[in-house]
């Protein structure tokens, strides 16, 4: 499904980089049917950025005319090692100050998590986007905790398929969060063309069926700030 003017906020289309696309050809097909992890505890920022940029340029050269515009970014796994760097801007989305942050799935989003994200906002002048919040029980079960991170300046991202394929409990919670403005961005979190494809169809339909086209327009407008 093609969603006009949507900025994809979470995908793994760069070839041969992480656990996403395995070849340039697969990357191109993923783009046409319509990123990347930075594991801060296993590779230096400079080495990652060099590898990421090489993959980005390789994909750009292979894309046919008329393809969607792509921006270099990263899904950044947060750890203490991330803060050994003086500058995190190379990990931000394009030329923005927004950075997609992944936490351990077992994270309780404790005061340590809050302090780390506050450090990013204040000392590094970047704006964290909390990736796929539906995967974290601590954020799904405690809206007050989620609100604290939003008030800090964080944005939230949800994988669009979760609105259609998540458990009944998860979907109920996501729709409540969407209605209350706690969900700012959607993404496919696509990794390939088979088990995790770039597909918006079911999730967009579920949102439209419940809240109409306006809900999708709000999400599109939210994402557009990432490329300005």
C-alpha atoms as a PDB file:
ATOM      1  CA  UNK A   1       0.000   0.000   0.000  1.00  0.00           C
ATOM      2  CA  UNK A   2       1.330   3.444  -0.948  1.00  0.00           C
ATOM      3  CA  UNK A   3       0.610   6.261   1.500  1.00  0.00           C
ATOM      4  CA  UNK A   4       1.163   9.571  -0.269  1.00  0.00           C
ATOM      5  CA  UNK A   5       3.615  11.992   1.375  1.00  0.00           C
ATOM      6  CA  UNK A   6       4.368   9.648   4.276  1.00  0.00           C
ATOM      7  CA  UNK A   7       7.884   9.831   5.709  1.00  0.00           C
ATOM      8  CA  UNK A   8       8.879   6.278   6.686  1.00  0.00           C
ATOM      9  CA  UNK A   9      10.381   6.643  10.147  1.00  0.00           C
ATOM     10  CA  UNK A  10      11.561   3.100  10.845  1.00  0.00           C
ATOM     11  CA  UNK A  11      12.920   0.780   8.173  1.00  0.00           C
ATOM     12  CA  UNK A  12      15.992  -1.320   7.431  1.00  0.00           C
ATOM     13  CA  UNK A  13      16.478  -0.879   3.705  1.00  0.00           C
ATOM     14  CA  UNK A  14      20.189  -0.105   3.467  1.00  0.00           C
ATOM     15  CA  UNK A  15      21.895  -3.122   1.866  1.00  0.00           C
ATOM     16  CA  UNK A  16      24.261  -5.428   3.740  1.00  0.00           C
ATOM     17  CA  UNK A  17      24.321  -3.267   6.859  1.00  0.00           C
ATOM     18  CA  UNK A  18      22.439  -4.929   9.712  1.00  0.00           C
ATOM     19  CA  UNK A  19      19.619  -7.469   9.909  1.00  0.00           C
ATOM     20  CA  UNK A  20      17.684  -5.801   7.092  1.00  0.00           C
ATOM     21  CA  UNK A  21      18.100  -5.985   3.307  1.00  0.00           C
ATOM     22  CA  UNK A  22      20.769  -8.452   2.223  1.00  0.00           C
ATOM     23  CA  UNK A  23      21.483  -6.945  -1.195  1.00  0.00           C
ATOM     24  CA  UNK A  24      21.107  -3.769  -3.214  1.00  0.00           C
ATOM     25  CA  UNK A  25      18.521  -5.524  -5.350  1.00  0.00           C
ATOM     26  CA  UNK A  26      16.382  -6.334  -2.313  1.00  0.00           C
ATOM     27  CA  UNK A  27      16.796  -2.760  -1.042  1.00  0.00           C
ATOM     28  CA  UNK A  28      15.589  -1.333  -4.343  1.00  0.00           C
ATOM     29  CA  UNK A  29      12.560  -3.638  -4.371  1.00  0.00           C
ATOM     30  CA  UNK A  30      11.741  -2.614  -0.796  1.00  0.00           C
ATOM     31  CA  UNK A  31      11.919   1.062  -1.719  1.00  0.00           C
ATOM     32  CA  UNK A  32       9.798   0.518  -4.773  1.00  0.00           C
ATOM     33  CA  UNK A  33       7.176  -1.331  -2.732  1.00  0.00           C
ATOM     34  CA  UNK A  34       6.808   1.423  -0.549  1.00  0.00           C
ATOM     35  CA  UNK A  35      17.952   3.258   8.437  1.00  0.00           C
ATOM     36  CA  UNK A  36      19.562   0.325  10.254  1.00  0.00           C
ATOM     37  CA  UNK A  37      20.739  -0.422  13.786  1.00  0.00           C
ATOM     38  CA  UNK A  38      23.625   1.252  15.522  1.00  0.00           C
ATOM     39  CA  UNK A  39      24.622  -1.027  18.376  1.00  0.00           C
ATOM     40  CA  UNK A  40      26.513   1.456  20.516  1.00  0.00           C
ATOM     41  CA  UNK A  41      28.039  -1.296  22.639  1.00  0.00           C
ATOM     42  CA  UNK A  42      29.613  -3.207  19.740  1.00  0.00           C
ATOM     43  CA  UNK A  43      30.882  -0.754  17.096  1.00  0.00           C
ATOM     44  CA  UNK A  44      32.307   2.740  17.271  1.00  0.00           C
ATOM     45  CA  UNK A  45      30.191   5.610  16.023  1.00  0.00           C
ATOM     46  CA  UNK A  46      32.788   6.572  13.392  1.00  0.00           C
ATOM     47  CA  UNK A  47      32.994   3.020  12.036  1.00  0.00           C
ATOM     48  CA  UNK A  48      29.228   2.685  11.952  1.00  0.00           C
ATOM     49  CA  UNK A  49      28.674   6.007  10.192  1.00  0.00           C
ATOM     50  CA  UNK A  50      31.305   5.157   7.581  1.00  0.00           C
ATOM     51  CA  UNK A  51      29.658   1.795   6.930  1.00  0.00           C
ATOM     52  CA  UNK A  52      26.172   3.337   6.936  1.00  0.00           C
ATOM     53  CA  UNK A  53      27.136   6.106   4.520  1.00  0.00           C
ATOM     54  CA  UNK A  54      28.746   3.627   2.128  1.00  0.00           C
ATOM     55  CA  UNK A  55      25.551   1.556   2.089  1.00  0.00           C
ATOM     56  CA  UNK A  56      23.464   4.696   1.647  1.00  0.00           C
ATOM     57  CA  UNK A  57      25.464   5.855  -1.379  1.00  0.00           C
ATOM     58  CA  UNK A  58      25.376   2.356  -2.856  1.00  0.00           C
ATOM     59  CA  UNK A  59      21.603   2.278  -2.614  1.00  0.00           C
ATOM     60  CA  UNK A  60      21.177   5.816  -3.973  1.00  0.00           C
ATOM     61  CA  UNK A  61      23.165   4.899  -7.086  1.00  0.00           C
ATOM     62  CA  UNK A  62      21.011   1.832  -7.666  1.00  0.00           C
ATOM     63  CA  UNK A  63      17.604   3.482  -7.259  1.00  0.00           C
ATOM     64  CA  UNK A  64      15.752   4.143 -10.537  1.00  0.00           C
ATOM     65  CA  UNK A  65      14.475   7.640 -11.388  1.00  0.00           C
ATOM     66  CA  UNK A  66      11.295   8.605  -9.568  1.00  0.00           C
ATOM     67  CA  UNK A  67      12.035   6.547  -6.443  1.00  0.00           C
ATOM     68  CA  UNK A  68      11.144   7.977  -3.028  1.00  0.00           C
ATOM     69  CA  UNK A  69      13.801  10.198  -1.483  1.00  0.00           C
ATOM     70  CA  UNK A  70      15.868   8.470   1.176  1.00  0.00           C
ATOM     71  CA  UNK A  71      17.686   9.996   4.138  1.00  0.00           C
ATOM     72  CA  UNK A  72      20.555   8.487   6.143  1.00  0.00           C
ATOM     73  CA  UNK A  73      19.639   7.661   9.740  1.00  0.00           C
ATOM     74  CA  UNK A  74      20.004   4.880  12.287  1.00  0.00           C
ATOM     75  CA  UNK A  75      18.084   2.939  14.864  1.00  0.00           C
ATOM     76  CA  UNK A  76      20.330   3.513  17.855  1.00  0.00           C
ATOM     77  CA  UNK A  77      20.501   0.934  20.622  1.00  0.00           C
ATOM     78  CA  UNK A  78      20.923   2.896  23.816  1.00  0.00           C
ATOM     79  CA  UNK A  79      23.713   1.941  26.206  1.00  0.00           C
ATOM     80  CA  UNK A  80      26.277   3.671  28.393  1.00  0.00           C
ATOM     81  CA  UNK A  81      28.768   3.470  25.534  1.00  0.00           C
ATOM     82  CA  UNK A  82      26.648   5.795  23.409  1.00  0.00           C
ATOM     83  CA  UNK A  83      27.543   8.648  25.742  1.00  0.00           C
ATOM     84  CA  UNK A  84      31.264   8.180  25.178  1.00  0.00           C
ATOM     85  CA  UNK A  85      30.775  10.134  21.960  1.00  0.00           C
ATOM     86  CA  UNK A  86      31.034  13.919  21.807  1.00  0.00           C
ATOM     87  CA  UNK A  87      28.472  14.336  19.022  1.00  0.00           C
ATOM     88  CA  UNK A  88      25.428  12.219  18.157  1.00  0.00           C
ATOM     89  CA  UNK A  89      24.242  14.294  15.209  1.00  0.00           C
ATOM     90  CA  UNK A  90      25.651  11.835  12.607  1.00  0.00           C
ATOM     91  CA  UNK A  91      23.042   9.353  13.853  1.00  0.00           C
ATOM     92  CA  UNK A  92      20.106  11.738  13.430  1.00  0.00           C
ATOM     93  CA  UNK A  93      17.560  11.443  10.625  1.00  0.00           C
ATOM     94  CA  UNK A  94      18.923  13.361   7.651  1.00  0.00           C
ATOM     95  CA  UNK A  95      19.815  16.903   8.711  1.00  0.00           C
ATOM     96  CA  UNK A  96      17.310  16.951  11.562  1.00  0.00           C
ATOM     97  CA  UNK A  97      18.002  16.691  15.285  1.00  0.00           C
ATOM     98  CA  UNK A  98      15.728  13.648  15.675  1.00  0.00           C
ATOM     99  CA  UNK A  99      17.288  10.308  16.563  1.00  0.00           C
ATOM    100  CA  UNK A 100      15.506   6.921  16.660  1.00  0.00           C
ATOM    101  CA  UNK A 101      16.265   5.146  19.940  1.00  0.00           C
ATOM    102  CA  UNK A 102      15.779   1.472  20.715  1.00  0.00           C
ATOM    103  CA  UNK A 103      15.801   0.116  24.277  1.00  0.00           C
ATOM    104  CA  UNK A 104      16.242  -3.471  25.489  1.00  0.00           C
ATOM    105  CA  UNK A 105      12.896  -5.245  25.243  1.00  0.00           C
ATOM    106  CA  UNK A 106      13.086  -5.935  28.982  1.00  0.00           C
ATOM    107  CA  UNK A 107      13.545  -2.254  29.814  1.00  0.00           C
ATOM    108  CA  UNK A 108      11.452  -0.924  32.681  1.00  0.00           C
ATOM    109  CA  UNK A 109      12.153   2.672  31.590  1.00  0.00           C
ATOM    110  CA  UNK A 110      13.510   3.465  34.998  1.00  0.00           C
ATOM    111  CA  UNK A 111      15.021   6.718  36.229  1.00  0.00           C
ATOM    112  CA  UNK A 112      18.265   5.657  34.530  1.00  0.00           C
ATOM    113  CA  UNK A 113      16.470   5.538  31.177  1.00  0.00           C
ATOM    114  CA  UNK A 114      14.951   8.935  31.864  1.00  0.00           C
ATOM    115  CA  UNK A 115      18.334  10.417  32.782  1.00  0.00           C
ATOM    116  CA  UNK A 116      19.950   9.036  29.626  1.00  0.00           C
ATOM    117  CA  UNK A 117      17.259  10.487  27.397  1.00  0.00           C
ATOM    118  CA  UNK A 118      17.396  13.790  29.273  1.00  0.00           C
ATOM    119  CA  UNK A 119      21.142  13.789  28.681  1.00  0.00           C
ATOM    120  CA  UNK A 120      20.530  13.378  24.964  1.00  0.00           C
ATOM    121  CA  UNK A 121      18.038  16.259  24.932  1.00  0.00           C
ATOM    122  CA  UNK A 122      20.052  18.694  27.038  1.00  0.00           C
ATOM    123  CA  UNK A 123      23.735  17.879  26.556  1.00  0.00           C
ATOM    124  CA  UNK A 124      23.620  16.578  22.974  1.00  0.00           C
ATOM    125  CA  UNK A 125      20.764  18.735  21.703  1.00  0.00           C
ATOM    126  CA  UNK A 126      19.052  15.840  19.940  1.00  0.00           C
ATOM    127  CA  UNK A 127      15.422  14.793  20.145  1.00  0.00           C
ATOM    128  CA  UNK A 128      14.857  11.099  20.875  1.00  0.00           C
ATOM    129  CA  UNK A 129      12.185   9.099  19.072  1.00  0.00           C
ATOM    130  CA  UNK A 130      11.202   6.049  21.117  1.00  0.00           C
ATOM    131  CA  UNK A 131      11.078   3.170  18.633  1.00  0.00           C
ATOM    132  CA  UNK A 132       8.170   0.696  18.560  1.00  0.00           C
ATOM    133  CA  UNK A 133       6.756   1.574  21.983  1.00  0.00           C
ATOM    134  CA  UNK A 134       4.201  -1.240  21.691  1.00  0.00           C
ATOM    135  CA  UNK A 135       6.987  -3.718  22.456  1.00  0.00           C
ATOM    136  CA  UNK A 136       7.586  -2.331  25.934  1.00  0.00           C
ATOM    137  CA  UNK A 137       5.223  -3.384  28.670  1.00  0.00           C
ATOM    138  CA  UNK A 138       6.440  -0.569  30.917  1.00  0.00           C
ATOM    139  CA  UNK A 139       5.225   2.047  28.414  1.00  0.00           C
ATOM    140  CA  UNK A 140       2.055   0.242  27.409  1.00  0.00           C
ATOM    141  CA  UNK A 141       0.843  -0.371  30.931  1.00  0.00           C
ATOM    142  CA  UNK A 142       1.815   2.946  32.492  1.00  0.00           C
ATOM    143  CA  UNK A 143       0.683   5.976  30.516  1.00  0.00           C
ATOM    144  CA  UNK A 144       2.066   8.235  33.234  1.00  0.00           C
ATOM    145  CA  UNK A 145       5.554   6.896  32.584  1.00  0.00           C
ATOM    146  CA  UNK A 146       5.071   7.383  28.834  1.00  0.00           C
ATOM    147  CA  UNK A 147       3.814  10.929  29.453  1.00  0.00           C
ATOM    148  CA  UNK A 148       6.972  11.730  31.415  1.00  0.00           C
ATOM    149  CA  UNK A 149       9.128  10.884  28.412  1.00  0.00           C
ATOM    150  CA  UNK A 150       6.879  12.835  26.065  1.00  0.00           C
ATOM    151  CA  UNK A 151       7.029  15.856  28.373  1.00  0.00           C
ATOM    152  CA  UNK A 152      10.817  15.525  28.322  1.00  0.00           C
ATOM    153  CA  UNK A 153      10.689  16.048  24.550  1.00  0.00           C
ATOM    154  CA  UNK A 154      10.625  12.521  23.194  1.00  0.00           C
ATOM    155  CA  UNK A 155       8.456  11.478  20.265  1.00  0.00           C
ATOM    156  CA  UNK A 156       6.920   8.016  20.045  1.00  0.00           C
ATOM    157  CA  UNK A 157       6.897   5.608  17.095  1.00  0.00           C
ATOM    158  CA  UNK A 158       4.667   2.578  16.569  1.00  0.00           C
ATOM    159  CA  UNK A 159       5.020  -0.120  13.946  1.00  0.00           C
ATOM    160  CA  UNK A 160       1.958   0.301  11.749  1.00  0.00           C
ATOM    161  CA  UNK A 161       1.269  -3.445  11.556  1.00  0.00           C
ATOM    162  CA  UNK A 162       0.638  -3.527  15.316  1.00  0.00           C
ATOM    163  CA  UNK A 163      -2.683  -1.711  14.802  1.00  0.00           C
ATOM    164  CA  UNK A 164      -3.884  -4.724  12.826  1.00  0.00           C
ATOM    165  CA  UNK A 165      -1.783  -7.697  13.935  1.00  0.00           C
ATOM    166  CA  UNK A 166      -1.142  -6.968  17.599  1.00  0.00           C
ATOM    167  CA  UNK A 167      -2.963  -8.734  20.409  1.00  0.00           C
ATOM    168  CA  UNK A 168      -6.438  -7.509  21.282  1.00  0.00           C
ATOM    169  CA  UNK A 169      -5.065  -5.851  24.407  1.00  0.00           C
ATOM    170  CA  UNK A 170      -2.226  -4.179  22.500  1.00  0.00           C
ATOM    171  CA  UNK A 171      -4.508  -2.844  19.794  1.00  0.00           C
ATOM    172  CA  UNK A 172      -6.962  -1.476  22.336  1.00  0.00           C
ATOM    173  CA  UNK A 173      -4.159   0.351  24.121  1.00  0.00           C
ATOM    174  CA  UNK A 174      -2.621   1.667  20.883  1.00  0.00           C
ATOM    175  CA  UNK A 175      -5.910   3.115  19.698  1.00  0.00           C
ATOM    176  CA  UNK A 176      -6.340   4.868  23.047  1.00  0.00           C
ATOM    177  CA  UNK A 177      -2.827   6.260  22.815  1.00  0.00           C
ATOM    178  CA  UNK A 178      -3.423   7.376  19.238  1.00  0.00           C
ATOM    179  CA  UNK A 179      -6.673   9.104  20.168  1.00  0.00           C
ATOM    180  CA  UNK A 180      -5.005  10.918  23.068  1.00  0.00           C
ATOM    181  CA  UNK A 181      -2.081  12.125  20.939  1.00  0.00           C
ATOM    182  CA  UNK A 182       0.534   9.928  22.595  1.00  0.00           C
ATOM    183  CA  UNK A 183       1.559   8.325  19.285  1.00  0.00           C
ATOM    184  CA  UNK A 184       3.408  10.694  16.998  1.00  0.00           C
ATOM    185  CA  UNK A 185       4.929   8.548  14.250  1.00  0.00           C
ATOM    186  CA  UNK A 186       4.365   5.278  12.432  1.00  0.00           C
ATOM    187  CA  UNK A 187       6.801   3.092  10.532  1.00  0.00           C
ATOM    188  CA  UNK A 188       6.892  -0.315   8.931  1.00  0.00           C
ATOM    189  CA  UNK A 189      10.100  -1.543  10.654  1.00  0.00           C
ATOM    190  CA  UNK A 190      10.587  -3.473   7.422  1.00  0.00           C
ATOM    191  CA  UNK A 191      13.617  -5.757   7.141  1.00  0.00           C
ATOM    192  CA  UNK A 192      12.914  -7.736   3.969  1.00  0.00           C
ATOM    193  CA  UNK A 193      10.221  -8.619   1.427  1.00  0.00           C
ATOM    194  CA  UNK A 194       8.986 -11.786   3.130  1.00  0.00           C
ATOM    195  CA  UNK A 195       8.690 -12.051   6.908  1.00  0.00           C
ATOM    196  CA  UNK A 196       8.941  -8.295   7.607  1.00  0.00           C
ATOM    197  CA  UNK A 197       7.933  -6.489   4.411  1.00  0.00           C
ATOM    198  CA  UNK A 198       7.294  -2.743   3.877  1.00  0.00           C
ATOM    199  CA  UNK A 199       3.511  -3.032   4.140  1.00  0.00           C
ATOM    200  CA  UNK A 200       1.112  -0.437   5.545  1.00  0.00           C
ATOM    201  CA  UNK A 201      -2.187  -1.797   4.237  1.00  0.00           C
ATOM    202  CA  UNK A 202      -3.759  -3.523   7.217  1.00  0.00           C
ATOM    203  CA  UNK A 203      -2.569  -1.010   9.796  1.00  0.00           C
ATOM    204  CA  UNK A 204      -3.678   2.053   7.840  1.00  0.00           C
ATOM    205  CA  UNK A 205      -7.064   0.448   7.201  1.00  0.00           C
ATOM    206  CA  UNK A 206      -7.498  -0.287  10.912  1.00  0.00           C
ATOM    207  CA  UNK A 207      -6.752   3.338  11.821  1.00  0.00           C
ATOM    208  CA  UNK A 208      -8.983   4.730   9.089  1.00  0.00           C
ATOM    209  CA  UNK A 209     -11.851   2.422  10.035  1.00  0.00           C
ATOM    210  CA  UNK A 210     -11.754   3.696  13.614  1.00  0.00           C
ATOM    211  CA  UNK A 211     -10.779   7.357  13.250  1.00  0.00           C
ATOM    212  CA  UNK A 212     -11.019   8.233   9.554  1.00  0.00           C
ATOM    213  CA  UNK A 213      -8.548   9.804   7.132  1.00  0.00           C
ATOM    214  CA  UNK A 214      -7.750  12.696   9.465  1.00  0.00           C
ATOM    215  CA  UNK A 215      -5.848  10.409  11.859  1.00  0.00           C
ATOM    216  CA  UNK A 216      -3.547   9.353   9.023  1.00  0.00           C
ATOM    217  CA  UNK A 217      -3.080  12.961   7.924  1.00  0.00           C
ATOM    218  CA  UNK A 218      -1.962  13.900  11.445  1.00  0.00           C
ATOM    219  CA  UNK A 219       0.642  11.121  11.434  1.00  0.00           C
ATOM    220  CA  UNK A 220       1.877  12.200   8.004  1.00  0.00           C
ATOM    221  CA  UNK A 221       2.190  15.820   9.136  1.00  0.00           C
ATOM    222  CA  UNK A 222       4.065  14.729  12.259  1.00  0.00           C
ATOM    223  CA  UNK A 223       6.595  12.794  10.192  1.00  0.00           C
ATOM    224  CA  UNK A 224       7.190  15.632   7.755  1.00  0.00           C
ATOM    225  CA  UNK A 225       9.047  17.614  10.413  1.00  0.00           C
ATOM    226  CA  UNK A 226      11.810  14.988  10.336  1.00  0.00           C
ATOM    227  CA  UNK A 227      12.987  16.029   6.889  1.00  0.00           C
ATOM    228  CA  UNK A 228      12.857  19.832   7.284  1.00  0.00           C
END
